[in-house]
Amino acid sequence: MSAVGALASAAVSGLWKAAAIVLLAALLLTGAGWALAAHDRDVARVDLGAERTRNDELRTSIREQNRAVETMGTAKALAEARGQAAQQAAAATGKRFDGALQRLVGARATTCAEAMPAVNLLLESVR
């Protein structure tokens, strides 16, 4: 049995060597995987920093645009108020002209001297 024992011992030794080689290969692959994962993590952190910088720039730009829109909205409201006041003033002036013209409805003149009293009345009514 010595030959069988030697054969069994060699087989067990070979199995242990094969298992050790497989285990070593697995550890090397795992270590390489960890190294690749660490590298990918570092690249992702750099990319994240760049994205955060771009995000901050965009947020700043959006805030500036919002402020500009608010300023334009305020300017528009003021312009609309001025426009409405101008329309009211024009309407009041138009009413004065209409009233002055109503007073001169029947006036007829063929000479400048005949027209001057009507012109003076018109000018005084419009003041």
Protein backbone atom coordinates (compact mmCIF):
# COMPACT_ATOMS: atom_id res chain seq x y z
CA MET A 1 0.00 0.00 0.00
CA SER A 2 2.89 2.15 0.06
CA ALA A 3 2.50 2.81 -3.66
CA VAL A 4 -1.18 3.56 -3.20
CA GLY A 5 -0.37 5.83 -0.25
CA ALA A 6 2.25 7.62 -2.31
CA LEU A 7 -0.21 7.97 -5.17
CA ALA A 8 -2.90 9.28 -2.83
CA SER A 9 -0.45 11.65 -1.22
CA ALA A 10 0.61 12.94 -4.64
CA ALA A 11 -3.01 13.33 -5.69
CA VAL A 12 -3.89 15.26 -2.54
CA SER A 13 -0.78 17.39 -2.94
CA GLY A 14 -1.73 18.07 -6.57
CA LEU A 15 -5.26 19.00 -5.53
CA TRP A 16 -3.94 21.39 -2.93
CA LYS A 17 -1.59 22.94 -5.45
CA ALA A 18 -4.40 23.29 -7.98
CA ALA A 19 -6.70 24.76 -5.34
CA ALA A 20 -3.95 27.16 -4.26
CA ILE A 21 -3.41 28.26 -7.87
CA VAL A 22 -7.16 28.79 -8.38
CA LEU A 23 -7.36 30.71 -5.10
CA LEU A 24 -4.34 32.83 -6.04
CA ALA A 25 -5.89 33.59 -9.45
CA ALA A 26 -9.16 34.54 -7.78
CA LEU A 27 -7.37 36.84 -5.35
CA LEU A 28 -5.39 38.47 -8.16
CA LEU A 29 -8.55 39.03 -10.18
CA THR A 30 -10.32 40.38 -7.11
CA GLY A 31 -7.40 42.70 -6.37
CA ALA A 32 -7.42 43.88 -9.98
CA GLY A 33 -11.15 44.40 -9.69
CA TRP A 34 -10.67 46.47 -6.54
CA ALA A 35 -7.99 48.54 -8.26
CA LEU A 36 -10.25 49.13 -11.27
CA ALA A 37 -13.15 50.01 -8.99
CA ALA A 38 -10.98 52.48 -7.05
CA HIS A 39 -9.83 54.08 -10.32
CA ASP A 40 -13.41 54.32 -11.56
CA ARG A 41 -14.43 55.84 -8.23
CA ASP A 42 -11.70 58.48 -8.51
CA VAL A 43 -12.74 59.33 -12.08
CA ALA A 44 -16.38 59.57 -10.98
CA ARG A 45 -15.42 61.95 -8.15
CA VAL A 46 -13.59 64.23 -10.59
CA ASP A 47 -16.56 64.13 -12.96
CA LEU A 48 -18.91 64.88 -10.07
CA GLY A 49 -16.85 67.92 -9.11
CA ALA A 50 -16.97 69.19 -12.69
CA GLU A 51 -20.73 68.63 -12.86
CA ARG A 52 -21.24 70.46 -9.57
CA THR A 53 -19.22 73.41 -10.91
CA ARG A 54 -21.34 73.48 -14.09
CA ASN A 55 -24.49 73.14 -12.00
CA ASP A 56 -23.46 76.10 -9.81
CA GLU A 57 -22.72 78.17 -12.93
CA LEU A 58 -26.13 77.31 -14.38
CA ARG A 59 -27.89 78.14 -11.12
CA THR A 60 -26.12 81.51 -11.02
CA SER A 61 -27.12 82.16 -14.62
CA ILE A 62 -30.74 81.25 -13.89
CA ARG A 63 -30.78 83.56 -10.84
CA GLU A 64 -29.47 86.43 -13.00
CA GLN A 65 -32.09 85.73 -15.65
CA ASN A 66 -34.83 85.63 -13.02
CA ARG A 67 -33.67 88.98 -11.64
CA ALA A 68 -33.66 90.42 -15.17
CA VAL A 69 -37.18 89.10 -15.79
CA GLU A 70 -38.39 90.63 -12.51
CA THR A 71 -36.77 93.95 -13.42
CA MET A 72 -38.39 93.87 -16.84
CA GLY A 73 -41.74 93.03 -15.26
CA THR A 74 -41.45 96.02 -12.95
CA ALA A 75 -40.43 98.25 -15.87
CA LYS A 76 -43.36 96.94 -17.90
CA ALA A 77 -45.81 97.68 -15.09
CA LEU A 78 -44.44 101.22 -14.77
CA ALA A 79 -44.62 101.72 -18.54
CA GLU A 80 -48.20 100.47 -18.60
CA ALA A 81 -49.10 102.90 -15.80
CA ARG A 82 -47.47 105.76 -17.74
CA GLY A 83 -49.28 104.67 -20.90
CA GLN A 84 -52.61 104.58 -19.11
CA ALA A 85 -51.99 108.04 -17.64
CA ALA A 86 -51.08 109.33 -21.11
CA GLN A 87 -54.25 107.82 -22.56
CA GLN A 88 -56.34 109.45 -19.84
CA ALA A 89 -54.62 112.79 -20.46
CA ALA A 90 -55.20 112.42 -24.21
CA ALA A 91 -58.87 111.60 -23.59
CA ALA A 92 -59.27 114.66 -21.36
CA THR A 93 -57.57 116.83 -23.97
CA GLY A 94 -59.79 115.34 -26.64
CA LYS A 95 -62.89 116.17 -24.58
CA ARG A 96 -61.69 119.76 -24.23
CA PHE A 97 -61.18 119.98 -27.99
CA ASP A 98 -64.60 118.44 -28.57
CA GLY A 99 -66.21 120.98 -26.23
CA ALA A 100 -64.39 123.86 -27.92
CA LEU A 101 -65.40 122.63 -31.34
CA GLN A 102 -69.04 122.32 -30.21
CA ARG A 103 -69.01 126.03 -29.36
CA LEU A 104 -67.79 126.84 -32.87
CA VAL A 105 -70.20 124.61 -34.78
CA GLY A 106 -72.11 127.42 -36.45
CA ALA A 107 -69.19 129.79 -36.97
CA ARG A 108 -68.57 130.91 -40.52
CA ALA A 109 -65.80 133.20 -41.64
CA THR A 110 -64.60 134.39 -45.01
CA THR A 111 -61.84 136.69 -43.87
CA CYS A 112 -59.12 136.49 -41.27
CA ALA A 113 -60.75 139.24 -39.23
CA GLU A 114 -63.99 137.26 -39.05
CA ALA A 115 -62.13 134.05 -38.11
CA MET A 116 -60.00 135.53 -35.29
CA PRO A 117 -62.77 135.65 -32.64
CA ALA A 118 -63.51 131.97 -33.29
CA VAL A 119 -59.78 131.10 -33.16
CA ASN A 120 -59.38 133.02 -29.88
CA LEU A 121 -62.40 131.23 -28.41
CA LEU A 122 -60.96 127.89 -29.50
CA LEU A 123 -57.56 128.66 -27.96
CA GLU A 124 -59.07 129.86 -24.69
CA SER A 125 -61.30 126.79 -24.47
CA VAL A 126 -58.36 124.45 -24.98
CA ARG A 127 -56.12 125.90 -22.27
